């Protein structure tokens, strides 16, 4: 079997799309992007600071001790462990969540009407089941669980 290869036109379209997504706008510190702010690239390199001192390698500049970490545009990276602790407080224990979610999904898939659903409807029910499991295993008062459930239902409603 011959491996897939991009044509020159496809390569150019891909390159243009990447350039468009990476484009910057003077009014937007993280660049213009059709993606949510959490998915946009962020400038976190302190080497672009105005206050620098000469370094030993090829007269490159390096940040002075006062400027490293001083810029408000630099965001501290969050570790996976921190994310898991944060999510655990709202989503509950992952093992319990997975068990509830899979039970709900299995129940749906074993119904006669499952075969009548299109991919959008099936995916929405899967995601709604996932969100219900989070509400049951985590914090049921976490508003995002309920907003997400409504959002997936709305996505299907808009396509019916």
N, C-alpha and C. Protein backbone atom coordinates (compact mmCIF):
# COMPACT_ATOMS: atom_id res chain seq x y z
N UNK A 1 0.84 -1.17 0.00
CA UNK A 1 0.00 0.00 0.00
C UNK A 1 0.89 1.24 0.00
N UNK A 2 0.56 2.19 -0.84
CA UNK A 2 1.33 3.42 -0.95
C UNK A 2 0.95 4.39 0.17
N UNK A 3 1.95 4.97 0.86
CA UNK A 3 1.61 5.92 1.93
C UNK A 3 0.97 7.19 1.38
N UNK A 4 0.16 7.82 2.20
CA UNK A 4 -0.51 9.06 1.81
C UNK A 4 0.51 10.17 1.64
N UNK A 5 0.38 10.95 0.58
CA UNK A 5 1.25 12.09 0.35
C UNK A 5 0.42 13.32 0.06
N UNK A 6 0.85 14.46 0.61
CA UNK A 6 0.19 15.72 0.34
C UNK A 6 0.60 16.22 -1.04
N UNK A 7 -0.37 16.73 -1.79
CA UNK A 7 -0.03 17.38 -3.05
C UNK A 7 0.55 18.75 -2.73
N UNK A 8 1.15 19.40 -3.72
CA UNK A 8 1.69 20.74 -3.51
C UNK A 8 0.59 21.71 -3.08
N UNK A 9 -0.59 21.60 -3.71
CA UNK A 9 -1.71 22.46 -3.35
C UNK A 9 -2.16 22.23 -1.91
N UNK A 10 -2.21 20.96 -1.51
CA UNK A 10 -2.62 20.64 -0.15
C UNK A 10 -1.59 21.18 0.85
N UNK A 11 -0.32 21.02 0.52
CA UNK A 11 0.75 21.51 1.39
C UNK A 11 0.66 23.03 1.54
N UNK A 12 0.40 23.74 0.42
CA UNK A 12 0.30 25.19 0.47
C UNK A 12 -0.91 25.63 1.30
N UNK A 13 -2.04 24.93 1.12
CA UNK A 13 -3.24 25.27 1.89
C UNK A 13 -2.99 25.05 3.39
N UNK A 14 -2.32 23.97 3.74
CA UNK A 14 -1.99 23.69 5.13
C UNK A 14 -1.06 24.76 5.69
N UNK A 15 -0.04 25.13 4.94
CA UNK A 15 0.90 26.15 5.36
C UNK A 15 0.20 27.49 5.55
N UNK A 16 -0.65 27.86 4.60
CA UNK A 16 -1.40 29.12 4.71
C UNK A 16 -2.31 29.11 5.94
N UNK A 17 -2.94 27.98 6.20
CA UNK A 17 -3.82 27.88 7.36
C UNK A 17 -3.06 28.03 8.67
N UNK A 18 -1.89 27.42 8.74
CA UNK A 18 -1.06 27.53 9.94
C UNK A 18 -0.60 28.96 10.13
N UNK A 19 -0.19 29.60 9.04
CA UNK A 19 0.24 31.00 9.13
C UNK A 19 -0.91 31.88 9.59
N UNK A 20 -2.10 31.61 9.09
CA UNK A 20 -3.26 32.42 9.48
C UNK A 20 -3.57 32.25 10.97
N UNK A 21 -3.47 31.02 11.46
CA UNK A 21 -3.72 30.76 12.87
C UNK A 21 -2.64 31.35 13.76
N UNK A 22 -1.42 31.42 13.26
CA UNK A 22 -0.31 31.94 14.05
C UNK A 22 -0.17 33.45 13.94
N UNK A 23 -0.97 34.08 13.07
CA UNK A 23 -0.89 35.53 12.87
C UNK A 23 -1.16 36.27 14.15
N UNK A 24 -0.56 37.44 14.29
CA UNK A 24 -0.77 38.23 15.50
C UNK A 24 -1.52 39.50 15.17
N UNK A 25 -2.15 40.03 16.19
CA UNK A 25 -2.91 41.26 16.08
C UNK A 25 -2.42 42.16 17.20
N UNK A 26 -2.11 43.40 16.91
CA UNK A 26 -1.56 44.32 17.92
C UNK A 26 -2.50 44.50 19.10
N UNK A 27 -3.80 44.34 18.90
CA UNK A 27 -4.77 44.52 19.98
C UNK A 27 -4.93 43.27 20.84
N UNK A 28 -4.39 42.16 20.39
CA UNK A 28 -4.58 40.89 21.08
C UNK A 28 -3.23 40.30 21.42
N UNK A 29 -2.88 40.27 22.69
CA UNK A 29 -1.54 39.83 23.11
C UNK A 29 -1.25 38.39 22.77
N UNK A 30 -2.27 37.57 22.58
CA UNK A 30 -2.03 36.17 22.27
C UNK A 30 -2.25 35.85 20.80
N UNK A 31 -2.48 36.83 19.98
CA UNK A 31 -2.66 36.60 18.54
C UNK A 31 -4.11 36.36 18.20
N UNK A 32 -4.45 36.64 16.95
CA UNK A 32 -5.82 36.39 16.54
C UNK A 32 -5.99 34.90 16.33
N UNK A 33 -7.12 34.39 16.74
CA UNK A 33 -7.34 32.96 16.65
C UNK A 33 -8.82 32.66 16.73
N UNK A 34 -9.29 31.67 15.95
CA UNK A 34 -10.68 31.28 16.06
C UNK A 34 -10.92 30.38 17.28
N UNK A 35 -9.84 30.01 17.99
CA UNK A 35 -9.96 29.11 19.11
C UNK A 35 -10.23 29.86 20.40
N UNK A 36 -10.76 29.13 21.37
CA UNK A 36 -11.00 29.70 22.69
C UNK A 36 -9.67 30.14 23.29
N UNK A 37 -9.68 31.16 24.16
CA UNK A 37 -8.43 31.65 24.76
C UNK A 37 -7.58 30.55 25.38
N UNK A 38 -8.20 29.52 25.97
CA UNK A 38 -7.42 28.47 26.60
C UNK A 38 -6.65 27.63 25.59
N UNK A 39 -7.04 27.70 24.29
CA UNK A 39 -6.35 26.92 23.27
C UNK A 39 -5.37 27.77 22.46
N UNK A 40 -5.36 29.06 22.70
CA UNK A 40 -4.46 29.93 21.96
C UNK A 40 -3.04 29.80 22.48
N UNK A 41 -2.09 30.12 21.62
CA UNK A 41 -0.70 30.12 22.07
C UNK A 41 -0.48 31.34 22.94
N UNK A 42 0.41 31.21 23.89
CA UNK A 42 0.72 32.31 24.78
C UNK A 42 2.20 32.62 24.71
N UNK A 43 2.55 33.87 24.74
CA UNK A 43 3.94 34.26 24.79
C UNK A 43 4.41 34.14 26.23
N UNK A 44 5.30 33.21 26.48
CA UNK A 44 5.78 33.01 27.85
C UNK A 44 7.29 33.09 27.92
N UNK A 45 7.93 33.46 26.83
CA UNK A 45 9.38 33.50 26.80
C UNK A 45 9.89 34.80 27.41
N UNK A 46 10.56 34.75 28.58
CA UNK A 46 11.05 35.97 29.21
C UNK A 46 12.23 36.57 28.47
N UNK A 47 12.76 35.90 27.45
CA UNK A 47 13.90 36.43 26.72
C UNK A 47 13.53 37.63 25.87
N UNK A 48 12.25 37.88 25.69
CA UNK A 48 11.81 39.03 24.90
C UNK A 48 11.65 40.28 25.77
N UNK A 49 12.17 40.25 26.96
CA UNK A 49 12.05 41.36 27.89
C UNK A 49 12.91 42.53 27.41
N UNK A 50 12.47 43.74 27.74
CA UNK A 50 13.23 44.93 27.33
C UNK A 50 14.51 45.08 28.13
N UNK A 51 14.51 44.61 29.36
CA UNK A 51 15.67 44.78 30.23
C UNK A 51 16.53 43.53 30.16
N UNK A 52 17.60 43.58 29.38
CA UNK A 52 18.45 42.41 29.22
C UNK A 52 19.90 42.80 29.42
N UNK A 53 20.71 41.78 29.66
CA UNK A 53 22.14 41.99 29.79
C UNK A 53 22.83 41.10 28.78
N UNK A 54 24.03 41.45 28.38
CA UNK A 54 24.75 40.67 27.38
C UNK A 54 25.16 39.33 27.96
N UNK A 55 25.05 38.33 27.13
CA UNK A 55 25.46 36.99 27.53
C UNK A 55 26.74 36.62 26.84
N UNK A 56 27.32 35.48 27.22
CA UNK A 56 28.61 35.08 26.71
C UNK A 56 28.58 34.51 25.29
N UNK A 57 27.42 34.06 24.83
CA UNK A 57 27.37 33.38 23.54
C UNK A 57 27.00 34.33 22.42
N UNK A 58 27.96 34.63 21.55
CA UNK A 58 27.72 35.45 20.35
C UNK A 58 27.01 36.75 20.65
N UNK A 59 27.31 37.38 21.74
CA UNK A 59 26.68 38.64 22.15
C UNK A 59 25.15 38.57 22.21
N UNK A 60 24.63 37.38 22.50
CA UNK A 60 23.18 37.26 22.67
C UNK A 60 22.79 37.95 23.96
N UNK A 61 21.56 38.38 24.02
CA UNK A 61 21.09 39.00 25.26
C UNK A 61 20.32 37.97 26.06
N UNK A 62 20.44 38.07 27.34
CA UNK A 62 19.70 37.20 28.26
C UNK A 62 19.00 38.10 29.26
N UNK A 63 17.93 37.66 29.84
CA UNK A 63 17.21 38.52 30.78
C UNK A 63 18.02 38.75 32.04
N UNK A 64 17.89 39.94 32.59
CA UNK A 64 18.52 40.22 33.87
C UNK A 64 17.73 39.53 34.95
N UNK A 65 18.33 39.36 36.11
CA UNK A 65 17.65 38.66 37.20
C UNK A 65 16.37 39.35 37.61
N UNK A 66 16.32 40.68 37.49
CA UNK A 66 15.13 41.43 37.91
C UNK A 66 13.94 41.18 36.98
N UNK A 67 14.20 40.88 35.71
CA UNK A 67 13.09 40.77 34.76
C UNK A 67 12.56 39.36 34.62
N UNK A 68 13.31 38.35 35.01
CA UNK A 68 12.82 36.98 34.87
C UNK A 68 11.63 36.79 35.80
N UNK A 69 10.51 36.40 35.23
CA UNK A 69 9.30 36.18 36.01
C UNK A 69 8.57 37.45 36.41
N UNK A 70 9.09 38.61 36.04
CA UNK A 70 8.46 39.86 36.45
C UNK A 70 7.35 40.30 35.50
N UNK A 71 7.34 39.80 34.30
CA UNK A 71 6.37 40.23 33.31
C UNK A 71 5.00 39.64 33.61
N UNK A 72 3.94 40.46 33.59
CA UNK A 72 2.61 39.93 33.87
C UNK A 72 2.09 39.02 32.76
N UNK A 73 2.74 39.05 31.58
CA UNK A 73 2.27 38.20 30.48
C UNK A 73 2.79 36.77 30.61
N UNK A 74 3.70 36.54 31.53
CA UNK A 74 4.24 35.20 31.72
C UNK A 74 3.33 34.44 32.66
N UNK A 75 2.85 33.30 32.21
CA UNK A 75 1.97 32.49 33.03
C UNK A 75 2.74 31.28 33.52
N UNK A 76 2.61 31.00 34.80
CA UNK A 76 3.26 29.84 35.36
C UNK A 76 2.60 28.60 34.78
N UNK A 77 3.39 27.65 34.30
CA UNK A 77 2.79 26.42 33.78
C UNK A 77 2.15 25.63 34.91
N UNK A 78 1.04 25.02 34.62
CA UNK A 78 0.36 24.20 35.61
C UNK A 78 0.73 22.75 35.34
N UNK A 79 1.01 22.01 36.38
CA UNK A 79 1.40 20.61 36.21
C UNK A 79 0.18 19.73 36.04
N UNK A 80 0.38 18.56 35.50
CA UNK A 80 -0.71 17.60 35.33
C UNK A 80 -1.29 17.26 36.70
N UNK A 81 -0.43 17.11 37.68
CA UNK A 81 -0.90 16.79 39.03
C UNK A 81 -1.83 17.87 39.57
N UNK A 82 -1.48 19.14 39.32
CA UNK A 82 -2.33 20.24 39.77
C UNK A 82 -3.68 20.21 39.06
N UNK A 83 -3.68 19.92 37.78
CA UNK A 83 -4.93 19.81 37.03
C UNK A 83 -5.79 18.70 37.61
N UNK A 84 -5.17 17.55 37.89
CA UNK A 84 -5.93 16.42 38.42
C UNK A 84 -6.54 16.72 39.79
N UNK A 85 -5.80 17.41 40.64
CA UNK A 85 -6.33 17.79 41.95
C UNK A 85 -7.50 18.75 41.77
N UNK A 86 -7.30 19.74 40.90
CA UNK A 86 -8.35 20.73 40.64
C UNK A 86 -9.61 20.05 40.09
N UNK A 87 -9.45 19.19 39.10
CA UNK A 87 -10.60 18.52 38.50
C UNK A 87 -11.25 17.54 39.47
N UNK A 88 -10.44 16.91 40.31
CA UNK A 88 -10.99 15.96 41.27
C UNK A 88 -11.99 16.60 42.20
N UNK A 89 -11.79 17.87 42.51
CA UNK A 89 -12.71 18.55 43.42
C UNK A 89 -14.07 18.82 42.78
N UNK A 90 -14.12 18.90 41.48
CA UNK A 90 -15.39 19.15 40.80
C UNK A 90 -15.92 17.91 40.07
N UNK A 91 -15.02 17.07 39.57
CA UNK A 91 -15.42 15.92 38.75
C UNK A 91 -15.46 14.61 39.53
N UNK A 92 -14.90 14.60 40.72
CA UNK A 92 -14.88 13.39 41.53
C UNK A 92 -13.75 12.45 41.14
N UNK A 93 -13.75 11.29 41.77
CA UNK A 93 -12.73 10.27 41.53
C UNK A 93 -12.88 9.72 40.11
N UNK A 94 -11.77 9.65 39.39
CA UNK A 94 -11.83 9.23 37.98
C UNK A 94 -12.35 7.81 37.82
N UNK A 95 -11.97 6.91 38.70
CA UNK A 95 -12.42 5.52 38.59
C UNK A 95 -13.93 5.42 38.75
N UNK A 96 -14.46 6.12 39.73
CA UNK A 96 -15.92 6.12 39.94
C UNK A 96 -16.61 6.78 38.75
N UNK A 97 -16.06 7.89 38.30
CA UNK A 97 -16.62 8.60 37.14
C UNK A 97 -16.65 7.68 35.92
N UNK A 98 -15.55 6.99 35.67
CA UNK A 98 -15.46 6.10 34.51
C UNK A 98 -16.49 4.98 34.61
N UNK A 99 -16.67 4.42 35.80
CA UNK A 99 -17.63 3.34 35.99
C UNK A 99 -19.06 3.81 35.70
N UNK A 100 -19.43 4.95 36.25
CA UNK A 100 -20.78 5.49 36.03
C UNK A 100 -20.96 5.82 34.55
N UNK A 101 -19.98 6.48 33.95
CA UNK A 101 -20.07 6.88 32.55
C UNK A 101 -20.24 5.68 31.63
N UNK A 102 -19.45 4.63 31.86
CA UNK A 102 -19.53 3.45 31.01
C UNK A 102 -20.85 2.71 31.20
N UNK A 103 -21.37 2.68 32.43
CA UNK A 103 -22.68 2.05 32.66
C UNK A 103 -23.77 2.80 31.90
N UNK A 104 -23.74 4.13 31.96
CA UNK A 104 -24.74 4.92 31.25
C UNK A 104 -24.63 4.71 29.74
N UNK A 105 -23.42 4.74 29.22
CA UNK A 105 -23.21 4.58 27.78
C UNK A 105 -23.61 3.18 27.32
N UNK A 106 -23.26 2.15 28.10
CA UNK A 106 -23.67 0.79 27.75
C UNK A 106 -25.18 0.67 27.72
N UNK A 107 -25.84 1.29 28.69
CA UNK A 107 -27.30 1.26 28.74
C UNK A 107 -27.90 1.89 27.49
N UNK A 108 -27.36 3.03 27.08
CA UNK A 108 -27.87 3.70 25.88
C UNK A 108 -27.64 2.86 24.63
N UNK A 109 -26.45 2.30 24.51
CA UNK A 109 -26.11 1.53 23.30
C UNK A 109 -26.92 0.24 23.18
N UNK A 110 -27.45 -0.26 24.29
CA UNK A 110 -28.23 -1.49 24.28
C UNK A 110 -29.71 -1.25 24.02
N UNK A 111 -30.09 -0.03 23.77
CA UNK A 111 -31.49 0.29 23.49
C UNK A 111 -31.76 0.11 22.00
N UNK A 112 -32.98 -0.28 21.68
CA UNK A 112 -33.37 -0.52 20.30
C UNK A 112 -33.14 0.71 19.41
N UNK A 113 -33.43 1.88 19.88
CA UNK A 113 -33.35 3.08 19.07
C UNK A 113 -31.94 3.59 18.80
N UNK A 114 -30.92 3.03 19.46
CA UNK A 114 -29.54 3.49 19.27
C UNK A 114 -29.15 3.43 17.79
N UNK A 115 -29.57 2.41 17.11
CA UNK A 115 -29.24 2.24 15.70
C UNK A 115 -29.89 3.28 14.80
N UNK A 116 -30.91 3.96 15.29
CA UNK A 116 -31.58 4.99 14.51
C UNK A 116 -30.91 6.36 14.63
N UNK A 117 -29.96 6.49 15.54
CA UNK A 117 -29.32 7.77 15.78
C UNK A 117 -28.17 8.00 14.79
N UNK A 118 -27.95 9.26 14.44
CA UNK A 118 -26.79 9.58 13.61
C UNK A 118 -25.58 9.83 14.52
N UNK A 119 -24.43 10.06 13.92
CA UNK A 119 -23.21 10.25 14.70
C UNK A 119 -23.30 11.42 15.68
N UNK A 120 -23.90 12.52 15.26
CA UNK A 120 -24.03 13.70 16.13
C UNK A 120 -24.87 13.36 17.34
N UNK A 121 -25.98 12.68 17.15
CA UNK A 121 -26.86 12.32 18.24
C UNK A 121 -26.19 11.33 19.20
N UNK A 122 -25.47 10.36 18.63
CA UNK A 122 -24.76 9.39 19.47
C UNK A 122 -23.67 10.06 20.30
N UNK A 123 -22.89 10.92 19.65
CA UNK A 123 -21.80 11.60 20.36
C UNK A 123 -22.36 12.50 21.47
N UNK A 124 -23.44 13.20 21.17
CA UNK A 124 -24.05 14.06 22.19
C UNK A 124 -24.51 13.24 23.39
N UNK A 125 -25.14 12.10 23.14
CA UNK A 125 -25.58 11.25 24.25
C UNK A 125 -24.39 10.70 25.03
N UNK A 126 -23.31 10.36 24.33
CA UNK A 126 -22.09 9.92 25.02
C UNK A 126 -21.55 11.04 25.92
N UNK A 127 -21.49 12.24 25.38
CA UNK A 127 -20.94 13.35 26.16
C UNK A 127 -21.88 13.74 27.31
N UNK A 128 -23.18 13.69 27.07
CA UNK A 128 -24.14 13.97 28.14
C UNK A 128 -23.99 12.92 29.25
N UNK A 129 -23.80 11.66 28.86
CA UNK A 129 -23.57 10.60 29.85
C UNK A 129 -22.31 10.89 30.65
N UNK A 130 -21.29 11.33 29.97
CA UNK A 130 -20.02 11.68 30.62
C UNK A 130 -20.23 12.80 31.63
N UNK A 131 -21.00 13.81 31.25
CA UNK A 131 -21.25 14.95 32.14
C UNK A 131 -22.15 14.55 33.31
N UNK A 132 -23.11 13.68 33.06
CA UNK A 132 -23.96 13.17 34.15
C UNK A 132 -23.09 12.41 35.15
N UNK A 133 -22.17 11.60 34.64
CA UNK A 133 -21.27 10.84 35.53
C UNK A 133 -20.45 11.79 36.39
N UNK A 134 -20.00 12.90 35.83
CA UNK A 134 -19.25 13.87 36.62
C UNK A 134 -20.12 14.48 37.71
N UNK A 135 -21.37 14.76 37.39
CA UNK A 135 -22.27 15.33 38.40
C UNK A 135 -22.54 14.31 39.51
N UNK A 136 -22.61 13.04 39.16
CA UNK A 136 -22.89 12.01 40.16
C UNK A 136 -21.67 11.65 40.99
N UNK A 137 -20.48 11.68 40.38
CA UNK A 137 -19.28 11.29 41.12
C UNK A 137 -18.55 12.47 41.74
N UNK A 138 -18.85 13.67 41.25
CA UNK A 138 -18.16 14.86 41.74
C UNK A 138 -19.12 15.80 42.45
N UNK A 139 -18.96 17.06 42.15
CA UNK A 139 -19.76 18.10 42.79
C UNK A 139 -21.00 18.37 41.94
N UNK A 140 -22.19 17.97 42.42
CA UNK A 140 -23.40 18.17 41.63
C UNK A 140 -23.80 19.65 41.50
N UNK A 141 -23.19 20.51 42.31
CA UNK A 141 -23.49 21.94 42.24
C UNK A 141 -22.53 22.69 41.32
N UNK A 142 -21.65 21.97 40.64
CA UNK A 142 -20.72 22.61 39.70
C UNK A 142 -21.49 22.94 38.43
N UNK A 143 -21.71 24.21 38.22
CA UNK A 143 -22.57 24.72 37.14
C UNK A 143 -22.16 24.21 35.75
N UNK A 144 -20.86 24.08 35.52
CA UNK A 144 -20.39 23.65 34.19
C UNK A 144 -20.94 22.29 33.77
N UNK A 145 -21.15 21.38 34.72
CA UNK A 145 -21.72 20.07 34.36
C UNK A 145 -23.06 20.27 33.65
N UNK A 146 -23.89 21.09 34.24
CA UNK A 146 -25.25 21.29 33.72
C UNK A 146 -25.25 22.13 32.45
N UNK A 147 -24.38 23.12 32.40
CA UNK A 147 -24.27 23.93 31.18
C UNK A 147 -23.77 23.08 30.01
N UNK A 148 -22.83 22.19 30.28
CA UNK A 148 -22.31 21.31 29.22
C UNK A 148 -23.39 20.36 28.71
N UNK A 149 -24.19 19.81 29.63
CA UNK A 149 -25.29 18.92 29.22
C UNK A 149 -26.25 19.68 28.32
N UNK A 150 -26.63 20.87 28.73
CA UNK A 150 -27.53 21.69 27.91
C UNK A 150 -26.89 22.03 26.56
N UNK A 151 -25.60 22.29 26.58
CA UNK A 151 -24.88 22.64 25.35
C UNK A 151 -24.88 21.50 24.34
N UNK A 152 -24.62 20.27 24.81
CA UNK A 152 -24.64 19.13 23.88
C UNK A 152 -26.03 18.88 23.34
N UNK A 153 -27.06 19.04 24.16
CA UNK A 153 -28.43 18.88 23.69
C UNK A 153 -28.75 19.96 22.64
N UNK A 154 -28.29 21.17 22.88
CA UNK A 154 -28.53 22.27 21.94
C UNK A 154 -27.84 22.00 20.60
N UNK A 155 -26.62 21.47 20.65
CA UNK A 155 -25.91 21.14 19.40
C UNK A 155 -26.70 20.17 18.53
N UNK A 156 -27.33 19.18 19.17
CA UNK A 156 -28.15 18.23 18.42
C UNK A 156 -29.39 18.93 17.90
N UNK A 157 -30.04 19.71 18.76
CA UNK A 157 -31.27 20.41 18.38
C UNK A 157 -31.04 21.31 17.16
N UNK A 158 -29.88 21.93 17.08
CA UNK A 158 -29.57 22.82 15.95
C UNK A 158 -29.36 22.04 14.65
N UNK A 159 -29.14 20.74 14.75
CA UNK A 159 -28.84 19.94 13.56
C UNK A 159 -29.98 19.01 13.15
N UNK A 160 -31.07 19.03 13.90
CA UNK A 160 -32.20 18.15 13.58
C UNK A 160 -33.11 18.85 12.60
